[in-house]
Amino acid sequence: MTIGNALKFIKRGMTDKGLRARLNAATSVQAVEEILIEENIPFSTHDFDEAFHHQLTLCQEEEEADQLKEFRMWWTLLFQLIEPAACPSGCGGCNP
């Protein structure tokens, strides 16, 4: 699990509708992790957060930053839908 994998996921996930569809169809956190392993891009929550903030600092246009923030929101909502009680704060940060 690496920040590099999380960066690859963010870049690919923002354009790859098929990957997002597979993740949207997942019914558990374990299923999401298995998809990421199959795609050879496993990463942790910490890795995702670090990669997100790194990518955000590289954004030169507000629209680019907004798209990245929307992607992060989708990722957070995905886990809230899969396991809404998994994070007591409801932030989704407890999930990989």
C-alpha atoms as a PDB file:
ATOM      1  CA  MET A   1       0.000   0.000   0.000  1.00  0.00           C
ATOM      2  CA  THR A   2       1.497   3.265  -1.061  1.00  0.00           C
ATOM      3  CA  ILE A   3       0.758   6.894  -1.682  1.00  0.00           C
ATOM      4  CA  GLY A   4       1.883   6.219  -5.252  1.00  0.00           C
ATOM      5  CA  ASN A   5      -0.964   3.746  -5.685  1.00  0.00           C
ATOM      6  CA  ALA A   6      -3.406   6.277  -4.291  1.00  0.00           C
ATOM      7  CA  LEU A   7      -2.123   8.876  -6.776  1.00  0.00           C
ATOM      8  CA  LYS A   8      -2.578   6.390  -9.619  1.00  0.00           C
ATOM      9  CA  PHE A   9      -6.094   5.649  -8.381  1.00  0.00           C
ATOM     10  CA  ILE A  10      -7.063   9.321  -8.196  1.00  0.00           C
ATOM     11  CA  LYS A  11      -5.749  10.081 -11.682  1.00  0.00           C
ATOM     12  CA  ARG A  12      -7.326   6.975 -13.166  1.00  0.00           C
ATOM     13  CA  GLY A  13     -10.524   7.109 -11.141  1.00  0.00           C
ATOM     14  CA  MET A  14     -11.306  10.621 -12.284  1.00  0.00           C
ATOM     15  CA  THR A  15     -11.494   9.447 -15.911  1.00  0.00           C
ATOM     16  CA  ASP A  16     -12.191   5.689 -15.799  1.00  0.00           C
ATOM     17  CA  LYS A  17     -15.962   5.252 -15.657  1.00  0.00           C
ATOM     18  CA  GLY A  18     -15.610   1.467 -15.659  1.00  0.00           C
ATOM     19  CA  LEU A  19     -13.483   1.461 -12.526  1.00  0.00           C
ATOM     20  CA  ARG A  20     -15.902   3.792 -10.757  1.00  0.00           C
ATOM     21  CA  ALA A  21     -18.831   1.609 -11.813  1.00  0.00           C
ATOM     22  CA  ARG A  22     -17.133  -1.484 -10.365  1.00  0.00           C
ATOM     23  CA  LEU A  23     -16.477   0.341  -7.110  1.00  0.00           C
ATOM     24  CA  ASN A  24     -20.034   1.696  -7.000  1.00  0.00           C
ATOM     25  CA  ALA A  25     -21.320  -1.872  -7.325  1.00  0.00           C
ATOM     26  CA  ALA A  26     -19.253  -3.074  -4.355  1.00  0.00           C
ATOM     27  CA  THR A  27     -21.329  -4.099  -1.359  1.00  0.00           C
ATOM     28  CA  SER A  28     -18.612  -4.064   1.299  1.00  0.00           C
ATOM     29  CA  VAL A  29     -15.315  -2.430   2.191  1.00  0.00           C
ATOM     30  CA  GLN A  30     -13.672  -5.798   1.558  1.00  0.00           C
ATOM     31  CA  ALA A  31     -15.102  -5.836  -1.982  1.00  0.00           C
ATOM     32  CA  VAL A  32     -13.658  -2.363  -2.615  1.00  0.00           C
ATOM     33  CA  GLU A  33     -10.268  -3.511  -1.325  1.00  0.00           C
ATOM     34  CA  GLU A  34     -10.406  -6.579  -3.582  1.00  0.00           C
ATOM     35  CA  ILE A  35     -11.142  -4.428  -6.633  1.00  0.00           C
ATOM     36  CA  LEU A  36      -8.195  -2.183  -5.818  1.00  0.00           C
ATOM     37  CA  ILE A  37      -5.954  -5.236  -5.400  1.00  0.00           C
ATOM     38  CA  GLU A  38      -7.179  -6.659  -8.731  1.00  0.00           C
ATOM     39  CA  GLU A  39      -6.338  -3.313 -10.336  1.00  0.00           C
ATOM     40  CA  ASN A  40      -2.900  -3.429  -8.662  1.00  0.00           C
ATOM     41  CA  ILE A  41      -3.497  -0.160  -6.795  1.00  0.00           C
ATOM     42  CA  PRO A  42      -4.162  -0.995  -3.124  1.00  0.00           C
ATOM     43  CA  PHE A  43      -3.777   1.881  -0.676  1.00  0.00           C
ATOM     44  CA  SER A  44      -4.808   2.961   2.813  1.00  0.00           C
ATOM     45  CA  THR A  45      -6.985   5.846   3.958  1.00  0.00           C
ATOM     46  CA  HIS A  46      -3.865   7.730   4.961  1.00  0.00           C
ATOM     47  CA  ASP A  47      -2.343   7.126   1.520  1.00  0.00           C
ATOM     48  CA  PHE A  48      -5.489   8.487  -0.155  1.00  0.00           C
ATOM     49  CA  ASP A  49      -5.521  11.602   2.015  1.00  0.00           C
ATOM     50  CA  GLU A  50      -1.848  12.300   1.332  1.00  0.00           C
ATOM     51  CA  ALA A  51      -2.307  11.743  -2.404  1.00  0.00           C
ATOM     52  CA  PHE A  52      -5.387  13.970  -2.475  1.00  0.00           C
ATOM     53  CA  HIS A  53      -3.625  16.853  -0.753  1.00  0.00           C
ATOM     54  CA  HIS A  54      -0.592  16.451  -3.004  1.00  0.00           C
ATOM     55  CA  GLN A  55      -2.765  16.544  -6.132  1.00  0.00           C
ATOM     56  CA  LEU A  56      -4.675  19.525  -4.784  1.00  0.00           C
ATOM     57  CA  THR A  57      -1.461  21.523  -4.448  1.00  0.00           C
ATOM     58  CA  LEU A  58      -0.706  20.824  -8.120  1.00  0.00           C
ATOM     59  CA  CYS A  59      -4.017  22.209  -9.361  1.00  0.00           C
ATOM     60  CA  GLN A  60      -3.526  25.413 -11.308  1.00  0.00           C
ATOM     61  CA  GLU A  61      -7.164  26.110 -12.134  1.00  0.00           C
ATOM     62  CA  GLU A  62     -10.091  26.367  -9.743  1.00  0.00           C
ATOM     63  CA  GLU A  63     -12.122  24.017 -11.955  1.00  0.00           C
ATOM     64  CA  GLU A  64      -9.394  21.378 -11.720  1.00  0.00           C
ATOM     65  CA  ALA A  65      -9.388  21.650  -7.923  1.00  0.00           C
ATOM     66  CA  ASP A  66     -13.179  21.426  -7.854  1.00  0.00           C
ATOM     67  CA  GLN A  67     -13.113  18.223  -9.932  1.00  0.00           C
ATOM     68  CA  LEU A  68     -10.569  16.712  -7.561  1.00  0.00           C
ATOM     69  CA  LYS A  69     -12.696  17.684  -4.548  1.00  0.00           C
ATOM     70  CA  GLU A  70     -15.777  16.148  -6.202  1.00  0.00           C
ATOM     71  CA  PHE A  71     -13.848  12.910  -6.729  1.00  0.00           C
ATOM     72  CA  ARG A  72     -12.872  12.867  -3.063  1.00  0.00           C
ATOM     73  CA  MET A  73     -16.504  13.475  -2.097  1.00  0.00           C
ATOM     74  CA  TRP A  74     -17.592  10.507  -4.270  1.00  0.00           C
ATOM     75  CA  TRP A  75     -14.948   8.323  -2.591  1.00  0.00           C
ATOM     76  CA  THR A  76     -16.168   9.333   0.888  1.00  0.00           C
ATOM     77  CA  LEU A  77     -19.827   8.853  -0.003  1.00  0.00           C
ATOM     78  CA  LEU A  78     -19.086   5.418  -1.439  1.00  0.00           C
ATOM     79  CA  PHE A  79     -17.987   4.207   1.989  1.00  0.00           C
ATOM     80  CA  GLN A  80     -20.855   5.926   3.759  1.00  0.00           C
ATOM     81  CA  LEU A  81     -23.266   4.054   1.504  1.00  0.00           C
ATOM     82  CA  ILE A  82     -21.485   0.716   1.909  1.00  0.00           C
ATOM     83  CA  GLU A  83     -21.151   0.855   5.672  1.00  0.00           C
ATOM     84  CA  PRO A  84     -22.922   3.887   7.111  1.00  0.00           C
ATOM     85  CA  ALA A  85     -22.262   2.858  10.706  1.00  0.00           C
ATOM     86  CA  ALA A  86     -18.569   2.102  10.156  1.00  0.00           C
ATOM     87  CA  CYS A  87     -17.484   5.601  11.143  1.00  0.00           C
ATOM     88  CA  PRO A  88     -19.061   7.051  14.273  1.00  0.00           C
ATOM     89  CA  SER A  89     -18.416  10.592  13.068  1.00  0.00           C
ATOM     90  CA  GLY A  90     -19.932   9.881   9.651  1.00  0.00           C
ATOM     91  CA  CYS A  91     -16.920  11.418   7.933  1.00  0.00           C
ATOM     92  CA  GLY A  92     -15.859   8.244   6.127  1.00  0.00           C
ATOM     93  CA  GLY A  93     -12.294   8.738   7.331  1.00  0.00           C
ATOM     94  CA  CYS A  94     -12.230   5.475   9.253  1.00  0.00           C
ATOM     95  CA  ASN A  95     -12.513   3.477   6.033  1.00  0.00           C
ATOM     96  CA  PRO A  96      -9.785   2.534   3.574  1.00  0.00           C
END
